[in-house]
Amino acid sequence: MYKMLRIGAIAVAMVATTGCAVKGGWMGTDAERTYEQQLAAARLDEQLVHDRYWEIHRDGRIQVIADAEDYELFRQTGEIPLVVTRIGGGPNGETLRFGLTRKEAKTMAKIVGYKGSAQRLYEGDVEGDANDFYGEIHRDGRIYVFNDWADLQAYKQTHEAAYAVTRIGAGPERETVVFVLNKSSASTVPAQTIGNFKTIYALN
């Protein structure tokens, strides 16, 4: 009788340690904690609007920012206030630097594996907002400006813009600015996108 009770106690201990394998059952302490963290991260991400994106290629670095205030600070100081760095993580060995908002940085400190909007957009975990997107890619002395996330992704694949409105010397540092379009919008001057660009850089 004692032997049977002992075997039963061992079985209970094993279930408590390993967790239940039945779907929807208890998964074990570590697994439950990870699941709750992932769920919390997903809920936070649902509250975010991924409508702004800047990607700056310069001096062997790729700076990625998804917050307008952080981009303005970057323009003024050349630095991102809060950042996640991936040395050698770029497609050609560049150092990647992903901007974080203060809220994202606090969340990252609490949730293992959490990524900010800039990193999630760059890595393709989320897409830019379909209704009010504005993005820029700075490379080779030009600023490529987008009002459609799909157009930005297509450009990143080829580094070419089949349809665009180009303004030579129109950037804040006299860069050439390329307002990227697509086949369906090629016949239309992107007035709103041009207006957004001028507002960001305080240009007439």
N, C-alpha and C. Protein backbone atom coordinates (compact mmCIF):
# COMPACT_ATOMS: atom_id res chain seq x y z
N MET A 1 0.85 -1.20 0.00
CA MET A 1 0.00 0.00 0.00
C MET A 1 0.88 1.25 0.00
N TYR A 2 1.92 1.25 0.79
CA TYR A 2 2.83 2.38 0.86
C TYR A 2 3.49 2.61 -0.48
N LYS A 3 3.87 1.51 -1.15
CA LYS A 3 4.52 1.60 -2.45
C LYS A 3 3.59 2.24 -3.47
N MET A 4 2.31 1.87 -3.46
CA MET A 4 1.34 2.43 -4.40
C MET A 4 1.16 3.92 -4.16
N LEU A 5 1.09 4.34 -2.89
CA LEU A 5 0.93 5.76 -2.57
C LEU A 5 2.15 6.56 -3.04
N ARG A 6 3.32 5.96 -2.90
CA ARG A 6 4.56 6.64 -3.29
C ARG A 6 4.60 6.84 -4.81
N ILE A 7 4.19 5.82 -5.56
CA ILE A 7 4.15 5.93 -7.02
C ILE A 7 3.17 7.01 -7.44
N GLY A 8 2.02 7.09 -6.76
CA GLY A 8 1.03 8.11 -7.05
C GLY A 8 1.57 9.50 -6.80
N ALA A 9 2.32 9.68 -5.72
CA ALA A 9 2.88 10.99 -5.39
C ALA A 9 3.90 11.41 -6.43
N ILE A 10 4.70 10.46 -6.90
CA ILE A 10 5.68 10.76 -7.94
C ILE A 10 4.99 11.21 -9.22
N ALA A 11 3.90 10.54 -9.60
CA ALA A 11 3.16 10.88 -10.81
C ALA A 11 2.59 12.29 -10.73
N VAL A 12 2.03 12.64 -9.55
CA VAL A 12 1.51 13.99 -9.36
C VAL A 12 2.61 15.02 -9.48
N ALA A 13 3.77 14.72 -8.90
CA ALA A 13 4.90 15.64 -8.96
C ALA A 13 5.36 15.86 -10.39
N MET A 14 5.34 14.79 -11.20
CA MET A 14 5.76 14.90 -12.59
C MET A 14 4.80 15.78 -13.38
N VAL A 15 3.50 15.65 -13.14
CA VAL A 15 2.51 16.48 -13.83
C VAL A 15 2.70 17.95 -13.45
N ALA A 16 2.94 18.20 -12.16
CA ALA A 16 3.12 19.57 -11.68
C ALA A 16 4.37 20.21 -12.28
N THR A 17 5.40 19.37 -12.52
CA THR A 17 6.65 19.90 -13.04
C THR A 17 6.60 20.15 -14.53
N THR A 18 6.04 19.18 -15.28
CA THR A 18 6.11 19.26 -16.73
C THR A 18 4.92 19.97 -17.34
N GLY A 19 3.81 20.06 -16.63
CA GLY A 19 2.63 20.71 -17.18
C GLY A 19 1.79 19.73 -17.96
N CYS A 20 0.56 20.13 -18.21
CA CYS A 20 -0.37 19.26 -18.91
C CYS A 20 -0.17 19.40 -20.41
N ALA A 21 -0.15 18.28 -21.13
CA ALA A 21 0.04 18.30 -22.57
C ALA A 21 -1.27 18.53 -23.32
N VAL A 22 -2.39 18.51 -22.62
CA VAL A 22 -3.67 18.70 -23.26
C VAL A 22 -3.83 20.15 -23.66
N LYS A 23 -4.30 20.39 -24.90
CA LYS A 23 -4.48 21.75 -25.39
C LYS A 23 -5.44 22.50 -24.49
N GLY A 24 -5.02 23.70 -24.08
CA GLY A 24 -5.85 24.50 -23.19
C GLY A 24 -5.60 24.22 -21.73
N GLY A 25 -4.76 23.20 -21.43
CA GLY A 25 -4.45 22.87 -20.05
C GLY A 25 -3.27 23.66 -19.53
N TRP A 26 -2.91 23.39 -18.28
CA TRP A 26 -1.79 24.09 -17.66
C TRP A 26 -0.50 23.64 -18.32
N MET A 27 0.40 24.56 -18.66
CA MET A 27 1.58 24.24 -19.45
C MET A 27 2.86 24.21 -18.65
N GLY A 28 2.79 24.45 -17.36
CA GLY A 28 4.01 24.54 -16.56
C GLY A 28 4.34 26.00 -16.27
N THR A 29 5.04 26.24 -15.17
CA THR A 29 5.28 27.60 -14.71
C THR A 29 6.00 28.46 -15.75
N ASP A 30 7.11 27.95 -16.29
CA ASP A 30 7.89 28.73 -17.25
C ASP A 30 7.12 28.97 -18.53
N ALA A 31 6.45 27.93 -19.02
CA ALA A 31 5.68 28.06 -20.26
C ALA A 31 4.51 29.02 -20.08
N GLU A 32 3.86 28.95 -18.93
CA GLU A 32 2.74 29.86 -18.66
C GLU A 32 3.22 31.30 -18.61
N ARG A 33 4.37 31.53 -17.97
CA ARG A 33 4.91 32.88 -17.87
C ARG A 33 5.26 33.42 -19.26
N THR A 34 5.89 32.58 -20.09
CA THR A 34 6.23 32.99 -21.45
C THR A 34 4.99 33.30 -22.25
N TYR A 35 3.97 32.44 -22.11
CA TYR A 35 2.72 32.65 -22.84
C TYR A 35 2.06 33.97 -22.44
N GLU A 36 2.03 34.26 -21.15
CA GLU A 36 1.41 35.49 -20.67
C GLU A 36 2.19 36.72 -21.15
N GLN A 37 3.52 36.61 -21.22
CA GLN A 37 4.33 37.72 -21.72
C GLN A 37 4.07 37.95 -23.21
N GLN A 38 3.97 36.86 -23.97
CA GLN A 38 3.69 36.99 -25.40
C GLN A 38 2.31 37.58 -25.64
N LEU A 39 1.35 37.17 -24.82
CA LEU A 39 -0.01 37.70 -24.94
C LEU A 39 -0.04 39.19 -24.61
N ALA A 40 0.68 39.57 -23.56
CA ALA A 40 0.75 40.98 -23.18
C ALA A 40 1.40 41.80 -24.29
N ALA A 41 2.46 41.27 -24.90
CA ALA A 41 3.13 41.96 -26.00
C ALA A 41 2.20 42.12 -27.19
N ALA A 42 1.43 41.07 -27.50
CA ALA A 42 0.48 41.14 -28.62
C ALA A 42 -0.59 42.18 -28.37
N ARG A 43 -1.08 42.25 -27.14
CA ARG A 43 -2.11 43.24 -26.80
C ARG A 43 -1.56 44.66 -26.92
N LEU A 44 -0.31 44.86 -26.48
CA LEU A 44 0.30 46.17 -26.61
C LEU A 44 0.47 46.55 -28.07
N ASP A 45 0.88 45.57 -28.88
CA ASP A 45 1.10 45.85 -30.30
C ASP A 45 -0.19 46.22 -31.01
N GLU A 46 -1.31 45.64 -30.58
CA GLU A 46 -2.60 45.95 -31.18
C GLU A 46 -2.97 47.41 -30.99
N GLN A 47 -2.42 48.04 -29.94
CA GLN A 47 -2.74 49.43 -29.64
C GLN A 47 -1.90 50.41 -30.46
N LEU A 48 -0.84 49.90 -31.11
CA LEU A 48 0.06 50.77 -31.84
C LEU A 48 -0.43 51.01 -33.26
N VAL A 49 -0.14 52.20 -33.76
CA VAL A 49 -0.44 52.54 -35.15
C VAL A 49 0.90 52.68 -35.87
N HIS A 50 1.15 51.81 -36.83
CA HIS A 50 2.43 51.79 -37.53
C HIS A 50 2.33 52.66 -38.78
N ASP A 51 2.28 53.97 -38.57
CA ASP A 51 2.03 54.87 -39.69
C ASP A 51 3.22 55.75 -40.07
N ARG A 52 4.35 55.62 -39.37
CA ARG A 52 5.53 56.42 -39.67
C ARG A 52 6.77 55.51 -39.68
N TYR A 53 7.69 55.79 -40.61
CA TYR A 53 8.87 54.93 -40.74
C TYR A 53 9.99 55.70 -41.41
N TRP A 54 11.18 55.69 -40.78
CA TRP A 54 12.38 56.27 -41.37
C TRP A 54 13.49 55.24 -41.32
N GLU A 55 14.20 55.09 -42.43
CA GLU A 55 15.34 54.17 -42.52
C GLU A 55 16.49 54.94 -43.15
N ILE A 56 17.55 55.16 -42.37
CA ILE A 56 18.65 56.01 -42.82
C ILE A 56 19.92 55.17 -42.94
N HIS A 57 20.45 55.08 -44.15
CA HIS A 57 21.69 54.35 -44.42
C HIS A 57 22.83 55.36 -44.47
N ARG A 58 23.75 55.24 -43.52
CA ARG A 58 24.82 56.24 -43.46
C ARG A 58 25.98 55.71 -42.61
N ASP A 59 27.20 55.87 -43.11
CA ASP A 59 28.41 55.56 -42.34
C ASP A 59 28.41 54.14 -41.78
N GLY A 60 28.00 53.19 -42.60
CA GLY A 60 28.02 51.79 -42.18
C GLY A 60 26.96 51.41 -41.17
N ARG A 61 25.97 52.28 -41.02
CA ARG A 61 24.86 52.01 -40.09
C ARG A 61 23.52 52.14 -40.81
N ILE A 62 22.54 51.42 -40.30
CA ILE A 62 21.16 51.61 -40.74
C ILE A 62 20.37 52.00 -39.50
N GLN A 63 19.92 53.24 -39.48
CA GLN A 63 19.11 53.74 -38.36
C GLN A 63 17.63 53.59 -38.74
N VAL A 64 16.85 52.98 -37.87
CA VAL A 64 15.43 52.76 -38.15
C VAL A 64 14.60 53.37 -37.04
N ILE A 65 13.67 54.25 -37.42
CA ILE A 65 12.87 55.00 -36.45
C ILE A 65 11.41 54.96 -36.89
N ALA A 66 10.52 54.78 -35.92
CA ALA A 66 9.10 54.71 -36.23
C ALA A 66 8.28 55.71 -35.41
N ASP A 67 8.95 56.71 -34.87
CA ASP A 67 8.27 57.73 -34.06
C ASP A 67 8.73 59.11 -34.52
N ALA A 68 7.77 59.99 -34.81
CA ALA A 68 8.08 61.31 -35.38
C ALA A 68 8.94 62.15 -34.44
N GLU A 69 8.66 62.12 -33.14
CA GLU A 69 9.45 62.92 -32.19
C GLU A 69 10.89 62.42 -32.11
N ASP A 70 11.05 61.09 -32.11
CA ASP A 70 12.40 60.53 -32.07
C ASP A 70 13.17 60.87 -33.35
N TYR A 71 12.47 60.91 -34.48
CA TYR A 71 13.15 61.27 -35.72
C TYR A 71 13.61 62.73 -35.69
N GLU A 72 12.79 63.60 -35.14
CA GLU A 72 13.18 65.00 -35.03
C GLU A 72 14.41 65.15 -34.14
N LEU A 73 14.45 64.41 -33.03
CA LEU A 73 15.63 64.43 -32.16
C LEU A 73 16.85 63.89 -32.90
N PHE A 74 16.65 62.86 -33.69
CA PHE A 74 17.76 62.29 -34.46
C PHE A 74 18.29 63.32 -35.45
N ARG A 75 17.41 64.07 -36.09
CA ARG A 75 17.83 65.11 -37.03
C ARG A 75 18.66 66.19 -36.34
N GLN A 76 18.28 66.51 -35.10
CA GLN A 76 18.96 67.58 -34.37
C GLN A 76 20.30 67.13 -33.79
N THR A 77 20.36 65.88 -33.34
CA THR A 77 21.54 65.42 -32.59
C THR A 77 22.35 64.34 -33.30
N GLY A 78 21.76 63.68 -34.29
CA GLY A 78 22.44 62.57 -34.93
C GLY A 78 22.37 61.28 -34.14
N GLU A 79 21.62 61.29 -33.06
CA GLU A 79 21.48 60.10 -32.21
C GLU A 79 20.01 59.79 -31.95
N ILE A 80 19.74 58.51 -31.72
CA ILE A 80 18.40 58.07 -31.32
C ILE A 80 18.40 57.97 -29.80
N PRO A 81 17.42 58.59 -29.12
CA PRO A 81 17.44 58.62 -27.64
C PRO A 81 17.51 57.23 -27.00
N LEU A 82 16.66 56.31 -27.42
CA LEU A 82 16.65 54.95 -26.89
C LEU A 82 16.74 53.99 -28.07
N VAL A 83 17.61 53.02 -27.97
CA VAL A 83 17.92 52.23 -29.17
C VAL A 83 18.26 50.78 -28.83
N VAL A 84 17.94 49.89 -29.75
CA VAL A 84 18.41 48.50 -29.73
C VAL A 84 19.42 48.37 -30.86
N THR A 85 20.61 47.88 -30.57
CA THR A 85 21.68 47.80 -31.56
C THR A 85 21.97 46.35 -31.93
N ARG A 86 22.11 46.11 -33.24
CA ARG A 86 22.50 44.79 -33.75
C ARG A 86 23.75 44.99 -34.62
N ILE A 87 24.91 44.76 -34.05
CA ILE A 87 26.17 44.95 -34.77
C ILE A 87 26.29 43.90 -35.88
N GLY A 88 26.53 44.38 -37.09
CA GLY A 88 26.68 43.46 -38.22
C GLY A 88 25.39 42.82 -38.68
N GLY A 89 24.25 43.33 -38.22
CA GLY A 89 22.97 42.70 -38.53
C GLY A 89 22.35 43.11 -39.84
N GLY A 90 22.93 44.11 -40.53
CA GLY A 90 22.36 44.58 -41.79
C GLY A 90 22.66 43.65 -42.94
N PRO A 91 22.01 43.86 -44.08
CA PRO A 91 22.18 42.96 -45.23
C PRO A 91 23.60 42.92 -45.77
N ASN A 92 24.38 43.98 -45.55
CA ASN A 92 25.78 44.01 -45.99
C ASN A 92 26.72 44.19 -44.80
N GLY A 93 26.29 43.68 -43.65
CA GLY A 93 27.12 43.77 -42.45
C GLY A 93 27.04 45.08 -41.72
N GLU A 94 26.08 45.93 -42.09
CA GLU A 94 25.92 47.21 -41.39
C GLU A 94 25.44 46.98 -39.96
N THR A 95 25.71 47.94 -39.11
CA THR A 95 25.14 47.93 -37.76
C THR A 95 23.71 48.44 -37.84
N LEU A 96 22.79 47.70 -37.27
CA LEU A 96 21.38 48.11 -37.23
C LEU A 96 21.11 48.78 -35.90
N ARG A 97 20.38 49.91 -35.94
CA ARG A 97 20.00 50.61 -34.71
C ARG A 97 18.51 50.92 -34.79
N PHE A 98 17.74 50.27 -33.92
CA PHE A 98 16.29 50.42 -33.92
C PHE A 98 15.85 51.35 -32.80
N GLY A 99 15.16 52.42 -33.15
CA GLY A 99 14.67 53.35 -32.15
C GLY A 99 13.56 52.75 -31.30
N LEU A 100 13.51 53.20 -30.06
CA LEU A 100 12.47 52.78 -29.12
C LEU A 100 11.83 54.02 -28.49
N THR A 101 10.52 54.01 -28.35
CA THR A 101 9.89 55.04 -27.54
C THR A 101 10.11 54.67 -26.07
N ARG A 102 9.84 55.61 -25.18
CA ARG A 102 10.01 55.33 -23.75
C ARG A 102 9.09 54.20 -23.30
N LYS A 103 7.86 54.19 -23.82
CA LYS A 103 6.91 53.14 -23.46
C LYS A 103 7.41 51.78 -23.93
N GLU A 104 7.96 51.75 -25.15
CA GLU A 104 8.49 50.48 -25.67
C GLU A 104 9.68 50.01 -24.85
N ALA A 105 10.55 50.92 -24.44
CA ALA A 105 11.71 50.55 -23.65
C ALA A 105 11.29 49.96 -22.30
N LYS A 106 10.27 50.55 -21.69
CA LYS A 106 9.77 50.02 -20.41
C LYS A 106 9.17 48.64 -20.60
N THR A 107 8.44 48.45 -21.69
CA THR A 107 7.84 47.15 -21.96
C THR A 107 8.91 46.11 -22.23
N MET A 108 9.96 46.49 -22.95
CA MET A 108 11.06 45.56 -23.25
C MET A 108 11.75 45.09 -21.98
N ALA A 109 11.82 45.97 -20.98
CA ALA A 109 12.45 45.60 -19.72
C ALA A 109 11.63 44.56 -18.96
N LYS A 110 10.33 44.49 -19.25
CA LYS A 110 9.44 43.58 -18.54
C LYS A 110 9.18 42.29 -19.30
N ILE A 111 9.17 42.36 -20.62
CA ILE A 111 8.76 41.22 -21.43
C ILE A 111 9.93 40.74 -22.28
N VAL A 112 10.36 39.51 -22.04
CA VAL A 112 11.48 38.93 -22.77
C VAL A 112 11.11 38.78 -24.25
N GLY A 113 11.99 39.25 -25.12
CA GLY A 113 11.76 39.08 -26.54
C GLY A 113 10.90 40.15 -27.18
N TYR A 114 10.47 41.14 -26.40
CA TYR A 114 9.62 42.19 -26.96
C TYR A 114 10.43 43.07 -27.91
N LYS A 115 9.81 43.48 -29.03
CA LYS A 115 10.45 44.35 -30.00
C LYS A 115 9.63 45.62 -30.16
N GLY A 116 10.32 46.73 -30.38
CA GLY A 116 9.63 47.99 -30.65
C GLY A 116 9.12 48.05 -32.08
N SER A 117 8.33 49.07 -32.37
CA SER A 117 7.71 49.20 -33.69
C SER A 117 8.74 49.28 -34.81
N ALA A 118 9.82 50.04 -34.60
CA ALA A 118 10.83 50.19 -35.65
C ALA A 118 11.41 48.85 -36.06
N GLN A 119 11.76 48.04 -35.08
CA GLN A 119 12.35 46.73 -35.37
C GLN A 119 11.32 45.81 -36.01
N ARG A 120 10.10 45.84 -35.52
CA ARG A 120 9.06 44.96 -36.06
C ARG A 120 8.74 45.32 -37.51
N LEU A 121 8.71 46.60 -37.83
CA LEU A 121 8.47 47.02 -39.21
C LEU A 121 9.64 46.60 -40.10
N TYR A 122 10.86 46.85 -39.65
CA TYR A 122 12.04 46.52 -40.44
C TYR A 122 12.11 45.02 -40.72
N GLU A 123 11.81 44.22 -39.71
CA GLU A 123 11.94 42.77 -39.84
C GLU A 123 10.70 42.11 -40.45
N GLY A 124 9.66 42.90 -40.72
CA GLY A 124 8.48 42.35 -41.38
C GLY A 124 7.49 41.66 -40.46
N ASP A 125 7.61 41.89 -39.15
CA ASP A 125 6.65 41.29 -38.22
C ASP A 125 5.29 41.98 -38.30
N VAL A 126 5.28 43.24 -38.68
CA VAL A 126 4.04 43.99 -38.87
C VAL A 126 4.16 44.79 -40.16
N GLU A 127 3.03 45.31 -40.63
CA GLU A 127 3.02 46.13 -41.83
C GLU A 127 2.66 47.56 -41.48
N GLY A 128 3.08 48.48 -42.34
CA GLY A 128 2.71 49.87 -42.17
C GLY A 128 1.22 50.06 -42.32
N ASP A 129 0.70 51.09 -41.69
CA ASP A 129 -0.74 51.36 -41.71
C ASP A 129 -1.22 51.55 -43.15
N ALA A 130 -2.37 50.95 -43.46
CA ALA A 130 -2.89 50.99 -44.83
C ALA A 130 -3.52 52.33 -45.19
N ASN A 131 -3.92 53.11 -44.19
CA ASN A 131 -4.71 54.32 -44.47
C ASN A 131 -3.92 55.62 -44.40
N ASP A 132 -2.90 55.68 -43.57
CA ASP A 132 -2.22 56.96 -43.36
C ASP A 132 -0.72 56.74 -43.17
N PHE A 133 -0.10 56.05 -44.12
CA PHE A 133 1.31 55.72 -43.97
C PHE A 133 2.20 56.79 -44.60
N TYR A 134 3.32 57.07 -43.92
CA TYR A 134 4.35 57.95 -44.46
C TYR A 134 5.71 57.36 -44.08
N GLY A 135 6.57 57.17 -45.07
CA GLY A 135 7.88 56.61 -44.78
C GLY A 135 8.97 57.20 -45.65
N GLU A 136 10.19 57.10 -45.17
CA GLU A 136 11.35 57.58 -45.92
C GLU A 136 12.48 56.56 -45.81
N ILE A 137 13.24 56.43 -46.90
CA ILE A 137 14.49 55.69 -46.89
C ILE A 137 15.57 56.61 -47.44
N HIS A 138 16.61 56.83 -46.65
CA HIS A 138 17.73 57.70 -47.04
C HIS A 138 18.91 56.81 -47.43
N ARG A 139 19.34 56.92 -48.67
CA ARG A 139 20.51 56.17 -49.10
C ARG A 139 21.09 56.78 -50.37
N ASP A 140 22.40 56.67 -50.50
CA ASP A 140 23.11 57.12 -51.70
C ASP A 140 22.84 58.60 -52.01
N GLY A 141 22.71 59.41 -50.96
CA GLY A 141 22.52 60.84 -51.16
C GLY A 141 21.13 61.23 -51.61
N ARG A 142 20.18 60.32 -51.54
CA ARG A 142 18.80 60.60 -51.93
C ARG A 142 17.84 60.27 -50.78
N ILE A 143 16.69 60.91 -50.82
CA ILE A 143 15.62 60.58 -49.87
C ILE A 143 14.45 60.03 -50.68
N TYR A 144 14.12 58.79 -50.43
CA TYR A 144 12.97 58.16 -51.10
C TYR A 144 11.78 58.26 -50.15
N VAL A 145 10.68 58.80 -50.65
CA VAL A 145 9.52 59.08 -49.81
C VAL A 145 8.34 58.22 -50.29
N PHE A 146 7.62 57.63 -49.33
CA PHE A 146 6.56 56.68 -49.64
C PHE A 146 5.27 57.04 -48.90
N ASN A 147 4.15 56.78 -49.56
CA ASN A 147 2.85 56.88 -48.88
C ASN A 147 2.13 55.54 -48.88
N ASP A 148 2.87 54.48 -49.24
CA ASP A 148 2.29 53.13 -49.29
C ASP A 148 3.35 52.13 -48.84
N TRP A 149 2.98 51.32 -47.83
CA TRP A 149 3.93 50.37 -47.27
C TRP A 149 4.40 49.35 -48.31
N ALA A 150 3.50 48.92 -49.18
CA ALA A 150 3.86 47.94 -50.20
C ALA A 150 4.90 48.51 -51.16
N ASP A 151 4.77 49.80 -51.49
CA ASP A 151 5.75 50.44 -52.37
C ASP A 151 7.12 50.49 -51.71
N LEU A 152 7.15 50.76 -50.40
CA LEU A 152 8.41 50.80 -49.67
C LEU A 152 9.07 49.43 -49.67
N GLN A 153 8.28 48.40 -49.45
CA GLN A 153 8.82 47.04 -49.44
C GLN A 153 9.34 46.64 -50.82
N ALA A 154 8.62 47.03 -51.86
CA ALA A 154 9.06 46.72 -53.22
C ALA A 154 10.38 47.41 -53.53
N TYR A 155 10.52 48.66 -53.09
CA TYR A 155 11.78 49.39 -53.30
C TYR A 155 12.93 48.69 -52.59
N LYS A 156 12.71 48.21 -51.37
CA LYS A 156 13.78 47.57 -50.61
C LYS A 156 14.27 46.29 -51.29
N GLN A 157 13.42 45.67 -52.10
CA GLN A 157 13.83 44.47 -52.80
C GLN A 157 14.76 44.78 -53.98
N THR A 158 14.51 45.89 -54.66
CA THR A 158 15.24 46.18 -55.89
C THR A 158 16.11 47.43 -55.84
N HIS A 159 15.83 48.32 -54.85
CA HIS A 159 16.49 49.64 -54.77
C HIS A 159 16.22 50.48 -56.02
N GLU A 160 15.07 50.25 -56.62
CA GLU A 160 14.66 51.01 -57.79
C GLU A 160 13.20 51.42 -57.63
N ALA A 161 12.85 52.55 -58.23
CA ALA A 161 11.48 53.04 -58.22
C ALA A 161 11.01 53.20 -59.66
N ALA A 162 10.17 52.30 -60.10
CA ALA A 162 9.71 52.33 -61.50
C ALA A 162 8.85 53.56 -61.78
N TYR A 163 8.11 54.00 -60.77
CA TYR A 163 7.24 55.17 -60.92
C TYR A 163 7.58 56.15 -59.79
N ALA A 164 7.83 57.39 -60.15
CA ALA A 164 8.22 58.36 -59.12
C ALA A 164 8.15 59.78 -59.66
N VAL A 165 8.04 60.72 -58.73
CA VAL A 165 8.21 62.14 -59.01
C VAL A 165 9.51 62.54 -58.34
N THR A 166 10.46 63.03 -59.11
CA THR A 166 11.79 63.34 -58.59
C THR A 166 12.01 64.85 -58.54
N ARG A 167 12.49 65.31 -57.40
CA ARG A 167 12.78 66.73 -57.22
C ARG A 167 14.27 66.89 -56.85
N ILE A 168 15.06 67.36 -57.78
CA ILE A 168 16.50 67.51 -57.55
C ILE A 168 16.76 68.67 -56.59
N GLY A 169 17.56 68.41 -55.55
CA GLY A 169 17.93 69.44 -54.60
C GLY A 169 16.82 69.90 -53.68
N ALA A 170 15.74 69.12 -53.57
CA ALA A 170 14.58 69.55 -52.78
C ALA A 170 14.65 69.13 -51.32
N GLY A 171 15.69 68.39 -50.92
CA GLY A 171 15.79 67.93 -49.54
C GLY A 171 16.32 69.00 -48.61
N PRO A 172 16.28 68.77 -47.31
CA PRO A 172 16.74 69.77 -46.33
C PRO A 172 18.23 70.07 -46.45
N GLU A 173 19.02 69.12 -46.98
CA GLU A 173 20.44 69.34 -47.22
C GLU A 173 20.73 69.32 -48.72
N ARG A 174 19.74 69.74 -49.50
CA ARG A 174 19.84 69.80 -50.96
C ARG A 174 19.93 68.42 -51.61
N GLU A 175 19.47 67.41 -50.91
CA GLU A 175 19.43 66.07 -51.48
C GLU A 175 18.36 66.01 -52.58
N THR A 176 18.52 65.04 -53.47
CA THR A 176 17.45 64.73 -54.42
C THR A 176 16.38 63.95 -53.69
N VAL A 177 15.13 64.35 -53.87
CA VAL A 177 14.01 63.68 -53.20
C VAL A 177 13.19 62.94 -54.25
N VAL A 178 12.93 61.67 -53.99
CA VAL A 178 12.17 60.83 -54.92
C VAL A 178 10.87 60.41 -54.24
N PHE A 179 9.76 60.93 -54.73
CA PHE A 179 8.45 60.56 -54.20
C PHE A 179 7.97 59.33 -54.98
N VAL A 180 8.02 58.18 -54.33
CA VAL A 180 7.79 56.91 -55.02
C VAL A 180 6.29 56.66 -55.19
N LEU A 181 5.93 56.23 -56.38
CA LEU A 181 4.54 55.92 -56.72
C LEU A 181 4.45 54.45 -57.17
N ASN A 182 3.26 54.04 -57.55
CA ASN A 182 3.09 52.71 -58.14
C ASN A 182 2.30 52.84 -59.43
N LYS A 183 2.05 51.76 -60.09
CA LYS A 183 1.40 51.79 -61.41
C LYS A 183 0.04 52.49 -61.37
N SER A 184 -0.72 52.25 -60.30
CA SER A 184 -2.07 52.82 -60.22
C SER A 184 -2.05 54.31 -59.88
N SER A 185 -0.97 54.80 -59.29
CA SER A 185 -0.90 56.22 -58.90
C SER A 185 0.10 57.02 -59.72
N ALA A 186 0.67 56.39 -60.75
CA ALA A 186 1.76 57.01 -61.49
C ALA A 186 1.38 58.31 -62.18
N SER A 187 0.11 58.47 -62.50
CA SER A 187 -0.32 59.66 -63.24
C SER A 187 -0.73 60.81 -62.33
N THR A 188 -0.59 60.62 -61.02
CA THR A 188 -1.03 61.61 -60.05
C THR A 188 0.15 62.18 -59.26
N VAL A 189 0.24 63.48 -59.18
CA VAL A 189 1.27 64.10 -58.33
C VAL A 189 0.88 63.88 -56.86
N PRO A 190 1.75 63.30 -56.05
CA PRO A 190 1.42 62.98 -54.65
C PRO A 190 1.44 64.22 -53.76
N ALA A 191 0.45 65.08 -53.93
CA ALA A 191 0.45 66.38 -53.25
C ALA A 191 0.51 66.25 -51.73
N GLN A 192 -0.27 65.31 -51.17
CA GLN A 192 -0.29 65.16 -49.72
C GLN A 192 1.06 64.68 -49.19
N THR A 193 1.67 63.75 -49.89
CA THR A 193 2.98 63.24 -49.47
C THR A 193 4.04 64.33 -49.56
N ILE A 194 4.00 65.12 -50.62
CA ILE A 194 4.93 66.24 -50.75
C ILE A 194 4.70 67.24 -49.62
N GLY A 195 3.43 67.49 -49.29
CA GLY A 195 3.10 68.39 -48.19
C GLY A 195 3.62 67.87 -46.86
N ASN A 196 3.47 66.56 -46.62
CA ASN A 196 3.99 65.97 -45.38
C ASN A 196 5.50 66.12 -45.30
N PHE A 197 6.17 65.90 -46.41
CA PHE A 197 7.63 66.02 -46.45
C PHE A 197 8.05 67.45 -46.10
N LYS A 198 7.40 68.42 -46.72
CA LYS A 198 7.74 69.82 -46.45
C LYS A 198 7.47 70.20 -45.00
N THR A 199 6.40 69.65 -44.42
CA THR A 199 6.08 69.96 -43.03
C THR A 199 7.15 69.39 -42.08
N ILE A 200 7.58 68.18 -42.32
CA ILE A 200 8.58 67.54 -41.46
C ILE A 200 9.86 68.35 -41.45
N TYR A 201 10.27 68.85 -42.61
CA TYR A 201 11.55 69.55 -42.72
C TYR A 201 11.41 71.07 -42.73
N ALA A 202 10.19 71.55 -42.48
CA ALA A 202 9.92 73.00 -42.44
C ALA A 202 10.41 73.68 -43.71
N LEU A 203 10.00 73.11 -44.84
CA LEU A 203 10.39 73.66 -46.13
C LEU A 203 9.20 74.40 -46.75
N ASN A 204 9.47 75.40 -47.56
CA ASN A 204 8.41 76.14 -48.25
C ASN A 204 7.97 75.39 -49.51
